[in-house]
C-alpha cells in the first residue's frame, strides 16, 4: 500500500533538522512511498541513511534496516532517539530480554525503525517474529556486500532475497557508496528487486584532489610520506588556484591505508618518529585497542591513523583532509570507497595513491575471492589503468562507475595539473558509452569508456577488457546490439 506524499521539506526540517535534500534523496523517498524498489548509489557522507529514516515515518508498519556494523547501528539508534524518532535494534550483543522488548515494540507499532544484522535475517525465529511486525520497507545498507564481486563480500547478505519473500515481499531499498555496473546488476538479481529505480547521485566529489605517486620499490614509501607530510614538497605541479590549500591539507587529519597489518604498524612508527600524533588500526588488534584508537582519532587526539581496510566503515569524521594509500587496491570500488572518506565537509582534500607496478600481483592475491577469477583480474587491470592514466583521473573514475562526466577535464587531478588541454577536432567515435555490443568470443557487453585509441567494454562473461580501437574497427569485433 502506497503512503500519501506530504510536505517532505517540512518533515526534513522538523524531524531531522536539515534545510534541504541532497541529490537523489527526495527522488528515492518518493519512490519508496509509492511502493517502488530502489537501488541507490550515493557516496560516503551523502546521506544514504536519511532516505529510509524519513520514509519510515510515512510508511505503515515497520522499516527493517539491515546494517553490517553494530557500532553504526548503535550510533544511528542513539541519534534518532535523541531527535524523538522511535528506533531500536536487535543484535548479538543484547540480552534475550532486550531483544524480546525491541521485537514486541516493533510488533505493537511503537517502533518505526528496527536495525538488524544480515545474520539475524537468517534466523528462522527472528523471521517468524518479524512477520507480525507488518514490515513495509526492507532497507539494505552496504548492499555491495551481497555481491561476490563487491569489495567486502559478506555471505549472510546472500539470503536477504529469501528473507524478503518470507516477510511478504515489502518494498526494497538497496544502498551502497560505490558500485560498478557489474555489481549493480548482481545486487538487483540477488535481492530480486522488481524494476528498481537506479539512482546514481553525487559520485563526483569535486573537492577531492586525485593524484598518483609512482615509485619503484617499497623503500621509497617512507621518503614519499616524509616528503608529503613533513617537508611539504610536491614532485609534480599543483593547480595554481589551490596549490597552497592542497599543501596545507597534510597539516590536517588523515588516514594512510596499507595492505598488511605490518605495514600499518610500521607506518605509524614512522609518523610518530616525525612528531606526528599517530597510531595504527587493524583487525588483529584487541577490540579495546581498536576502540581507543578510533575514539582518539574522532576526538582529534590523533592526527593520523595508519590502517588496513578494517578501518573506516561507519566512521563519520567530516574533516579528514587526506587519504593516502601505500599500496594499490584490488579494485576501483575499494579504492574510491576508502579515498572517499576524505573531505566529507566539502572542503578540499587530497587522495594520494602510491603506485608500485610490482604490487599488482600482491593486490590480486589479497583481492581474490571465490568469484569469477577472470573478472577479478579485469578489475585489477582497471585499477592499473587508473594508476597509469594519461588523461583526467576523475573522468576515468566516473566513467568506470557509470556516471556521466560533465567535462573532458576536471582540472583538479595531477594529470590535468601537469598537462594542457588540447584543442583538436576528432571524428565521431564509432561507439558510445553505455552502448550494448557483442564480441565473437566474449559475448555481450556494455561500452564503459572510449578514450583516444582504446575502448573499454564490460563483458558479462569475462569482466572488463580494453580493446584497441583500430583493431576493433578493422576486424569488426564489436557488433552493436539494439535495446
Protein backbone atom coordinates (compact mmCIF):
# COMPACT_ATOMS: atom_id res chain seq x y z
CA UNK A 1 0.00 0.00 0.00
CA UNK A 2 1.50 3.32 -1.07
CA UNK A 3 1.72 6.06 1.53
CA UNK A 4 0.47 9.61 0.99
CA UNK A 5 3.02 12.20 -0.05
CA UNK A 6 3.04 15.06 2.46
CA UNK A 7 5.34 18.06 2.60
CA UNK A 8 8.69 16.26 2.69
CA UNK A 9 10.60 19.52 3.09
CA UNK A 10 8.69 20.31 6.28
CA UNK A 11 9.34 16.83 7.71
CA UNK A 12 13.01 17.12 6.74
CA UNK A 13 13.31 20.32 8.79
CA UNK A 14 11.15 19.49 11.79
CA UNK A 15 12.10 15.84 12.40
CA UNK A 16 15.64 15.64 11.04
CA UNK A 17 16.99 19.20 11.24
CA UNK A 18 18.08 19.65 7.60
CA UNK A 19 17.16 22.58 5.37
CA UNK A 20 17.28 20.78 2.04
CA UNK A 21 17.66 17.38 0.44
CA UNK A 22 20.92 16.26 -1.08
CA UNK A 23 20.96 14.99 -4.68
CA UNK A 24 18.91 11.83 -5.12
CA UNK A 25 17.38 11.73 -1.63
CA UNK A 26 13.93 13.12 -2.35
CA UNK A 27 13.56 11.08 -5.54
CA UNK A 28 14.30 7.85 -3.67
CA UNK A 29 11.96 8.71 -0.80
CA UNK A 30 9.09 9.40 -3.20
CA UNK A 31 9.80 6.11 -4.98
CA UNK A 32 9.60 4.20 -1.70
CA UNK A 33 6.40 5.93 -0.65
CA UNK A 34 4.91 4.85 -3.98
CA UNK A 35 5.96 1.23 -3.33
CA UNK A 36 8.79 1.09 -5.89
CA UNK A 37 12.05 -0.76 -5.26
CA UNK A 38 15.17 1.42 -5.32
CA UNK A 39 18.90 0.85 -5.80
CA UNK A 40 20.72 3.95 -4.57
CA UNK A 41 24.40 4.61 -5.26
CA UNK A 42 25.45 7.58 -3.16
CA UNK A 43 28.98 8.27 -1.89
CA UNK A 44 30.03 8.12 1.73
CA UNK A 45 28.62 11.10 3.59
CA UNK A 46 25.89 11.83 1.01
CA UNK A 47 23.02 10.98 3.36
CA UNK A 48 22.01 7.43 2.45
CA UNK A 49 20.55 6.73 5.90
CA UNK A 50 18.20 9.72 5.75
CA UNK A 51 16.35 8.08 2.85
CA UNK A 52 14.99 5.15 4.86
CA UNK A 53 14.81 7.09 8.11
CA UNK A 54 12.48 9.72 6.69
CA UNK A 55 10.49 7.27 4.56
CA UNK A 56 9.88 5.12 7.64
CA UNK A 57 7.98 7.94 9.30
CA UNK A 58 5.42 7.99 6.48
CA UNK A 59 5.06 4.30 5.70
CA UNK A 60 2.71 1.98 7.58
CA UNK A 61 4.25 -0.65 9.82
CA UNK A 62 7.97 -1.07 10.43
CA UNK A 63 11.07 -0.30 8.37
CA UNK A 64 13.65 -3.07 8.84
CA UNK A 65 17.21 -1.84 8.28
CA UNK A 66 19.98 -4.35 7.52
CA UNK A 67 23.32 -2.94 8.67
CA UNK A 68 26.62 -4.85 8.90
CA UNK A 69 28.15 -2.87 11.76
CA UNK A 70 26.95 -3.00 15.35
CA UNK A 71 28.67 0.28 16.23
CA UNK A 72 27.00 2.05 13.32
CA UNK A 73 23.61 0.67 14.39
CA UNK A 74 24.16 1.95 17.92
CA UNK A 75 25.14 5.42 16.69
CA UNK A 76 22.11 5.71 14.41
CA UNK A 77 19.64 4.46 17.03
CA UNK A 78 21.06 6.85 19.64
CA UNK A 79 20.93 9.78 17.22
CA UNK A 80 17.35 9.04 16.17
CA UNK A 81 16.20 8.58 19.75
CA UNK A 82 17.67 11.95 20.70
CA UNK A 83 15.62 13.53 17.90
CA UNK A 84 12.46 11.86 19.13
CA UNK A 85 12.31 9.26 16.32
CA UNK A 86 11.32 5.81 17.65
CA UNK A 87 14.08 3.34 16.68
CA UNK A 88 15.50 0.11 18.06
CA UNK A 89 17.98 -2.64 17.30
CA UNK A 90 18.35 -6.41 17.55
CA UNK A 91 21.88 -7.82 17.65
CA UNK A 92 24.14 -10.39 19.28
CA UNK A 93 25.37 -8.00 21.98
CA UNK A 94 21.92 -7.69 23.51
CA UNK A 95 20.33 -9.86 26.17
CA UNK A 96 17.31 -12.00 25.34
CA UNK A 97 15.20 -9.59 27.37
CA UNK A 98 16.37 -6.61 25.30
CA UNK A 99 15.72 -8.48 22.06
CA UNK A 100 12.23 -9.52 23.17
CA UNK A 101 11.45 -5.94 24.18
CA UNK A 102 12.55 -4.49 20.80
CA UNK A 103 10.60 -7.11 18.87
CA UNK A 104 7.48 -6.50 20.97
CA UNK A 105 7.71 -2.73 20.42
CA UNK A 106 8.00 -3.27 16.66
CA UNK A 107 5.02 -5.64 16.67
CA UNK A 108 2.92 -3.08 18.58
CA UNK A 109 3.94 -0.35 16.16
CA UNK A 110 5.70 1.81 18.76
CA UNK A 111 8.96 1.45 16.79
CA UNK A 112 9.09 2.68 13.19
CA UNK A 113 12.72 1.64 12.60
CA UNK A 114 14.36 -1.62 13.63
CA UNK A 115 18.06 -2.23 12.85
CA UNK A 116 19.33 -5.79 12.42
CA UNK A 117 22.45 -7.52 11.09
CA UNK A 118 22.15 -9.63 7.93
CA UNK A 119 22.81 -12.74 10.03
CA UNK A 120 19.68 -12.01 12.09
CA UNK A 121 17.53 -12.44 8.97
CA UNK A 122 18.98 -15.93 8.59
CA UNK A 123 17.45 -16.84 11.97
CA UNK A 124 14.05 -18.57 11.47
CA UNK A 125 12.85 -17.47 14.93
CA UNK A 126 13.51 -13.81 14.17
CA UNK A 127 11.94 -14.02 10.71
CA UNK A 128 8.85 -15.59 12.31
CA UNK A 129 8.68 -12.70 14.78
CA UNK A 130 9.23 -10.16 12.03
CA UNK A 131 6.27 -11.47 10.04
CA UNK A 132 3.98 -10.00 12.67
CA UNK A 133 5.66 -6.58 12.51
CA UNK A 134 3.98 -5.52 9.24
CA UNK A 135 7.31 -4.75 7.58
CA UNK A 136 6.61 -2.24 4.80
CA UNK A 137 10.22 -1.44 3.85
CA UNK A 138 13.37 -3.57 3.95
CA UNK A 139 16.42 -1.30 3.65
CA UNK A 140 19.76 -2.99 2.89
CA UNK A 141 22.76 -0.80 3.69
CA UNK A 142 26.25 -1.54 2.28
CA UNK A 143 24.43 -3.53 -0.41
CA UNK A 144 27.64 -4.20 -2.37
CA UNK A 145 28.26 -6.87 0.28
CA UNK A 146 25.57 -9.01 -1.38
CA UNK A 147 27.75 -9.35 -4.48
CA UNK A 148 30.65 -11.77 -4.65
CA UNK A 149 32.27 -9.07 -6.78
CA UNK A 150 31.64 -6.37 -4.17
CA UNK A 151 34.67 -5.15 -2.24
CA UNK A 152 33.59 -6.51 1.17
CA UNK A 153 31.58 -9.63 0.37
CA UNK A 154 29.58 -10.98 3.33
CA UNK A 155 27.87 -14.34 2.79
CA UNK A 156 24.91 -13.61 5.11
CA UNK A 157 23.74 -11.00 2.62
CA UNK A 158 23.06 -13.74 0.07
CA UNK A 159 19.90 -14.87 1.87
CA UNK A 160 18.27 -11.46 2.05
CA UNK A 161 16.23 -12.06 -1.09
CA UNK A 162 14.81 -15.20 0.51
CA UNK A 163 14.16 -13.29 3.75
CA UNK A 164 12.27 -10.59 1.85
CA UNK A 165 9.94 -13.24 0.41
CA UNK A 166 9.39 -14.71 3.89
CA UNK A 167 8.40 -11.23 5.13
CA UNK A 168 5.72 -10.90 2.47
CA UNK A 169 7.95 -9.09 -0.02
CA UNK A 170 7.95 -5.49 1.29
CA UNK A 171 9.35 -2.64 -0.78
CA UNK A 172 13.14 -2.99 -1.02
CA UNK A 173 15.80 -0.29 -0.79
CA UNK A 174 19.44 -1.24 -1.53
CA UNK A 175 22.11 1.35 -0.73
CA UNK A 176 25.83 1.44 -1.43
CA UNK A 177 28.53 4.08 -1.82
CA UNK A 178 30.24 2.75 -4.95
CA UNK A 179 29.11 0.05 -7.32
CA UNK A 180 30.25 -0.64 -10.86
CA UNK A 181 27.57 -1.65 -13.39
CA UNK A 182 28.50 -5.31 -12.85
CA UNK A 183 27.98 -5.10 -9.07
CA UNK A 184 24.73 -3.15 -9.51
CA UNK A 185 23.28 -5.89 -11.67
CA UNK A 186 24.37 -8.53 -9.16
CA UNK A 187 22.63 -6.61 -6.34
CA UNK A 188 19.42 -6.37 -8.37
CA UNK A 189 19.48 -10.08 -9.23
CA UNK A 190 20.33 -11.40 -5.76
CA UNK A 191 17.84 -9.18 -3.93
CA UNK A 192 15.25 -9.86 -6.64
CA UNK A 193 14.49 -6.15 -7.00
CA UNK A 194 11.43 -5.51 -9.18
CA UNK A 195 12.08 -2.91 -11.89
CA UNK A 196 14.01 -0.75 -9.42
CA UNK A 197 14.70 2.92 -9.88
CA UNK A 198 18.50 3.02 -10.04
CA UNK A 199 19.57 6.36 -8.59
CA UNK A 200 23.22 7.38 -9.02
CA UNK A 201 23.92 10.69 -7.32
CA UNK A 202 26.89 12.57 -6.01
CA UNK A 203 29.59 10.14 -7.16
CA UNK A 204 31.61 13.08 -8.37
CA UNK A 205 33.41 14.54 -5.35
CA UNK A 206 34.87 17.70 -6.93
CA UNK A 207 36.62 18.74 -3.71
CA UNK A 208 38.85 15.64 -3.76
CA UNK A 209 42.21 16.16 -5.46
CA UNK A 210 43.16 12.87 -7.11
CA UNK A 211 46.84 12.04 -7.55
CA UNK A 212 49.18 9.09 -8.04
CA UNK A 213 52.84 8.98 -6.96
CA UNK A 214 54.75 6.28 -8.81
CA UNK A 215 57.65 4.54 -7.06
CA UNK A 216 59.88 1.61 -7.95
CA UNK A 217 60.37 -0.18 -4.63
CA UNK A 218 58.97 -0.31 -1.10
CA UNK A 219 61.93 1.55 0.29
CA UNK A 220 60.65 4.72 -1.36
CA UNK A 221 57.38 4.74 0.61
CA UNK A 222 58.96 6.26 3.68
CA UNK A 223 60.59 9.02 1.64
CA UNK A 224 57.33 9.82 -0.16
CA UNK A 225 55.39 10.05 3.10
CA UNK A 226 58.03 12.24 4.73
CA UNK A 227 58.19 14.49 1.68
CA UNK A 228 54.42 15.00 1.69
CA UNK A 229 53.67 15.13 5.43
CA UNK A 230 56.83 16.74 6.83
CA UNK A 231 58.70 18.55 4.06
CA UNK A 232 55.53 19.70 2.22
CA UNK A 233 57.15 19.09 -1.14
CA UNK A 234 55.34 18.03 -4.29
CA UNK A 235 57.27 16.49 -7.16
CA UNK A 236 54.55 17.49 -9.60
CA UNK A 237 52.78 20.82 -10.12
CA UNK A 238 49.52 21.53 -8.29
CA UNK A 239 46.62 23.56 -9.70
CA UNK A 240 47.63 27.18 -9.28
CA UNK A 241 44.28 28.24 -7.84
CA UNK A 242 44.56 25.80 -4.91
CA UNK A 243 48.23 24.93 -4.53
CA UNK A 244 48.55 26.42 -1.02
CA UNK A 245 45.32 24.81 0.18
CA UNK A 246 46.39 21.40 -1.09
CA UNK A 247 49.79 21.64 0.57
CA UNK A 248 48.10 22.61 3.85
CA UNK A 249 45.83 19.56 3.60
CA UNK A 250 48.67 17.44 5.00
CA UNK A 251 48.57 19.55 8.18
CA UNK A 252 45.12 18.16 8.92
CA UNK A 253 43.82 14.77 9.97
CA UNK A 254 44.25 11.83 7.64
CA UNK A 255 44.23 8.11 7.03
CA UNK A 256 47.07 6.10 5.49
CA UNK A 257 45.87 2.74 4.20
CA UNK A 258 48.22 -0.22 3.98
CA UNK A 259 47.72 -3.69 2.57
CA UNK A 260 49.06 -5.51 5.64
CA UNK A 261 48.99 -5.28 9.42
CA UNK A 262 52.78 -5.00 9.44
CA UNK A 263 52.56 -2.04 7.08
CA UNK A 264 50.07 -0.28 9.35
CA UNK A 265 52.20 -0.56 12.48
CA UNK A 266 55.35 0.34 10.53
CA UNK A 267 53.74 3.46 9.07
CA UNK A 268 52.51 4.63 12.48
CA UNK A 269 56.03 4.18 13.86
CA UNK A 270 57.46 6.38 11.09
CA UNK A 271 54.87 9.09 11.72
CA UNK A 272 55.49 9.16 15.47
CA UNK A 273 59.19 9.42 14.75
CA UNK A 274 58.46 12.59 12.78
CA UNK A 275 56.49 14.10 15.64
CA UNK A 276 53.04 13.34 14.21
CA UNK A 277 50.38 12.10 16.63
CA UNK A 278 49.56 8.73 15.06
CA UNK A 279 48.54 5.16 15.82
CA UNK A 280 47.60 2.06 13.84
CA UNK A 281 44.41 0.07 13.38
CA UNK A 282 43.81 -3.41 12.01
CA UNK A 283 41.54 -6.35 12.70
CA UNK A 284 44.13 -8.30 14.67
CA UNK A 285 44.45 -5.66 17.41
CA UNK A 286 42.45 -6.21 20.58
CA UNK A 287 38.98 -4.72 20.50
CA UNK A 288 39.70 -2.26 23.30
CA UNK A 289 42.79 -1.00 21.42
CA UNK A 290 40.80 -0.56 18.20
CA UNK A 291 38.10 1.35 20.06
CA UNK A 292 40.68 3.55 21.79
CA UNK A 293 42.43 4.38 18.50
CA UNK A 294 39.17 5.20 16.74
CA UNK A 295 37.92 7.32 19.64
CA UNK A 296 41.21 9.25 19.81
CA UNK A 297 41.10 9.89 16.06
CA UNK A 298 37.49 11.08 16.14
CA UNK A 299 38.25 13.38 19.09
CA UNK A 300 41.34 14.88 17.42
CA UNK A 301 43.83 13.43 19.88
CA UNK A 302 45.36 11.51 16.98
CA UNK A 303 46.04 13.34 13.73
CA UNK A 304 46.73 10.32 11.54
CA UNK A 305 45.68 6.67 11.56
CA UNK A 306 47.64 4.06 9.63
CA UNK A 307 45.22 1.24 8.92
CA UNK A 308 44.25 -1.77 6.88
CA UNK A 309 40.85 -1.82 5.21
CA UNK A 310 39.38 -2.93 8.55
CA UNK A 311 39.12 0.77 9.44
CA UNK A 312 36.65 3.25 8.03
CA UNK A 313 33.15 1.85 7.55
CA UNK A 314 30.79 3.86 9.70
CA UNK A 315 33.46 6.42 10.66
CA UNK A 316 31.74 9.81 10.44
CA UNK A 317 34.57 12.34 10.63
CA UNK A 318 33.88 15.13 8.14
CA UNK A 319 37.22 16.97 8.35
CA UNK A 320 39.61 14.28 7.11
CA UNK A 321 41.93 16.27 4.87
CA UNK A 322 43.85 13.45 3.20
CA UNK A 323 43.74 9.73 2.49
CA UNK A 324 46.94 8.07 1.31
CA UNK A 325 47.16 4.50 0.02
CA UNK A 326 50.61 2.96 0.45
CA UNK A 327 49.72 0.16 -1.99
CA UNK A 328 47.38 -0.26 -4.89
CA UNK A 329 43.97 -1.78 -4.05
CA UNK A 330 42.45 -4.79 -5.86
CA UNK A 331 39.67 -2.69 -7.40
CA UNK A 332 38.49 0.84 -8.01
CA UNK A 333 35.44 0.10 -5.86
CA UNK A 334 37.66 -0.50 -2.85
CA UNK A 335 39.88 2.48 -3.67
CA UNK A 336 37.11 5.03 -4.10
CA UNK A 337 35.24 3.82 -1.02
CA UNK A 338 38.35 4.39 1.11
CA UNK A 339 39.58 7.55 -0.62
CA UNK A 340 36.06 8.97 -0.35
CA UNK A 341 36.40 9.21 3.42
CA UNK A 342 38.35 12.41 2.85
CA UNK A 343 36.71 15.80 2.58
CA UNK A 344 33.20 14.94 3.64
CA UNK A 345 32.78 18.54 4.83
CA UNK A 346 33.11 19.72 1.23
CA UNK A 347 36.47 21.44 1.72
CA UNK A 348 39.45 20.46 -0.46
CA UNK A 349 41.18 17.20 0.46
CA UNK A 350 43.86 15.02 -1.12
CA UNK A 351 43.56 11.41 -2.22
CA UNK A 352 47.04 10.08 -2.91
CA UNK A 353 47.85 6.62 -4.28
CA UNK A 354 51.46 5.42 -4.02
CA UNK A 355 51.74 3.12 -7.02
CA UNK A 356 54.34 0.42 -7.44
CA UNK A 357 53.68 -1.79 -10.51
CA UNK A 358 55.23 -4.74 -8.66
CA UNK A 359 52.37 -4.55 -6.12
CA UNK A 360 49.79 -5.63 -8.69
CA UNK A 361 50.48 -9.30 -8.00
CA UNK A 362 50.01 -8.88 -4.26
CA UNK A 363 46.81 -6.88 -4.81
CA UNK A 364 45.50 -9.70 -6.97
CA UNK A 365 46.21 -12.22 -4.22
CA UNK A 366 44.66 -10.07 -1.45
CA UNK A 367 41.61 -9.32 -3.56
CA UNK A 368 40.99 -12.91 -4.63
CA UNK A 369 37.58 -14.46 -3.95
CA UNK A 370 35.52 -17.45 -4.83
CA UNK A 371 34.00 -15.44 -7.66
CA UNK A 372 34.97 -15.24 -11.31
CA UNK A 373 38.83 -15.13 -11.42
CA UNK A 374 38.86 -13.58 -14.88
CA UNK A 375 36.54 -10.83 -13.72
CA UNK A 376 38.76 -10.15 -10.70
CA UNK A 377 41.78 -9.84 -12.99
CA UNK A 378 39.88 -7.43 -15.20
CA UNK A 379 39.03 -5.21 -12.21
CA UNK A 380 42.67 -5.14 -11.17
CA UNK A 381 43.51 -4.18 -14.75
CA UNK A 382 41.13 -1.21 -14.43
CA UNK A 383 42.91 -0.25 -11.20
CA UNK A 384 46.23 -0.36 -13.04
CA UNK A 385 44.77 1.74 -15.85
CA UNK A 386 43.65 4.36 -13.34
CA UNK A 387 47.11 4.48 -11.76
CA UNK A 388 48.80 4.84 -15.15
CA UNK A 389 46.17 7.13 -16.70
CA UNK A 390 47.44 9.83 -19.03
CA UNK A 391 44.11 11.69 -19.09
CA UNK A 392 41.83 13.10 -16.38
CA UNK A 393 41.60 10.72 -13.42
CA UNK A 394 38.20 11.99 -12.27
CA UNK A 395 36.71 11.32 -15.69
CA UNK A 396 38.20 7.80 -15.59
CA UNK A 397 36.56 7.10 -12.20
CA UNK A 398 33.16 8.50 -13.15
CA UNK A 399 33.02 6.53 -16.38
CA UNK A 400 34.01 3.36 -14.54
CA UNK A 401 31.11 3.78 -12.12
CA UNK A 402 28.66 4.58 -14.88
CA UNK A 403 28.29 8.30 -14.09
CA UNK A 404 28.40 10.94 -16.81
CA UNK A 405 31.37 13.34 -16.56
CA UNK A 406 30.42 16.97 -17.08
CA UNK A 407 33.70 17.89 -18.79
CA UNK A 408 36.66 16.37 -20.59
CA UNK A 409 38.96 17.58 -17.80
CA UNK A 410 38.28 18.28 -14.11
CA UNK A 411 41.37 20.50 -13.62
CA UNK A 412 41.62 19.05 -10.09
CA UNK A 413 43.79 15.97 -10.53
CA UNK A 414 47.51 15.55 -11.03
CA UNK A 415 47.17 14.63 -14.71
CA UNK A 416 45.24 17.80 -15.54
CA UNK A 417 47.61 19.88 -13.39
CA UNK A 418 50.65 18.84 -15.42
CA UNK A 419 49.09 18.79 -18.89
CA UNK A 420 47.39 21.41 -21.01
CA UNK A 421 44.08 20.90 -22.77
CA UNK A 422 44.47 20.08 -26.43
CA UNK A 423 42.10 21.72 -28.85
CA UNK A 424 41.53 19.37 -31.74
CA UNK A 425 38.78 18.21 -33.95
CA UNK A 426 38.23 14.46 -33.79
CA UNK A 427 35.90 12.31 -35.84
CA UNK A 428 32.85 10.98 -34.05
CA UNK A 429 33.64 7.82 -32.06
CA UNK A 430 32.21 4.66 -33.62
CA UNK A 431 30.93 3.55 -30.21
CA UNK A 432 29.28 5.47 -27.39
CA UNK A 433 29.37 4.99 -23.62
CA UNK A 434 26.71 2.58 -22.30
CA UNK A 435 26.18 1.16 -25.79
CA UNK A 436 25.46 -2.58 -25.77
CA UNK A 437 27.73 -4.64 -28.02
CA UNK A 438 28.61 -8.26 -28.78
CA UNK A 439 32.10 -9.75 -29.19
CA UNK A 440 32.56 -13.05 -31.10
CA UNK A 441 34.46 -14.67 -28.20
CA UNK A 442 33.41 -12.78 -25.07
CA UNK A 443 29.72 -12.35 -25.81
CA UNK A 444 27.57 -9.40 -24.76
CA UNK A 445 28.93 -6.33 -23.05
CA UNK A 446 28.48 -2.61 -22.45
CA UNK A 447 30.90 0.09 -23.59
CA UNK A 448 32.28 1.81 -20.49
CA UNK A 449 34.86 4.16 -21.94
CA UNK A 450 36.01 5.46 -25.30
CA UNK A 451 39.34 7.23 -24.94
CA UNK A 452 41.68 8.00 -27.80
CA UNK A 453 42.86 4.75 -29.33
CA UNK A 454 41.17 2.39 -26.86
CA UNK A 455 37.69 1.16 -25.99
CA UNK A 456 36.86 -0.33 -22.57
CA UNK A 457 33.98 -2.83 -22.54
CA UNK A 458 32.43 -4.58 -19.54
CA UNK A 459 31.56 -8.11 -20.74
CA UNK A 460 29.06 -10.26 -18.85
CA UNK A 461 31.31 -13.33 -19.00
CA UNK A 462 34.86 -12.03 -18.51
CA UNK A 463 34.63 -8.55 -17.00
CA UNK A 464 36.50 -5.51 -18.28
CA UNK A 465 38.51 -5.60 -21.49
CA UNK A 466 40.49 -2.79 -23.09
CA UNK A 467 40.48 -3.07 -26.88
CA UNK A 468 42.49 -1.22 -29.49
CA UNK A 469 40.02 0.90 -31.46
CA UNK A 470 41.77 0.38 -34.80
CA UNK A 471 41.73 -3.42 -34.44
CA UNK A 472 38.09 -3.37 -33.35
CA UNK A 473 37.22 -1.40 -36.47
CA UNK A 474 39.43 -3.40 -38.83
CA UNK A 475 38.18 -6.81 -37.66
CA UNK A 476 34.61 -5.70 -36.85
CA UNK A 477 34.98 -7.18 -33.36
CA UNK A 478 32.07 -5.35 -31.72
CA UNK A 479 28.58 -5.64 -33.16
CA UNK A 480 26.11 -3.04 -31.81
CA UNK A 481 23.03 -4.54 -30.14
CA UNK A 482 19.60 -2.96 -30.09
CA UNK A 483 17.97 -2.38 -26.70
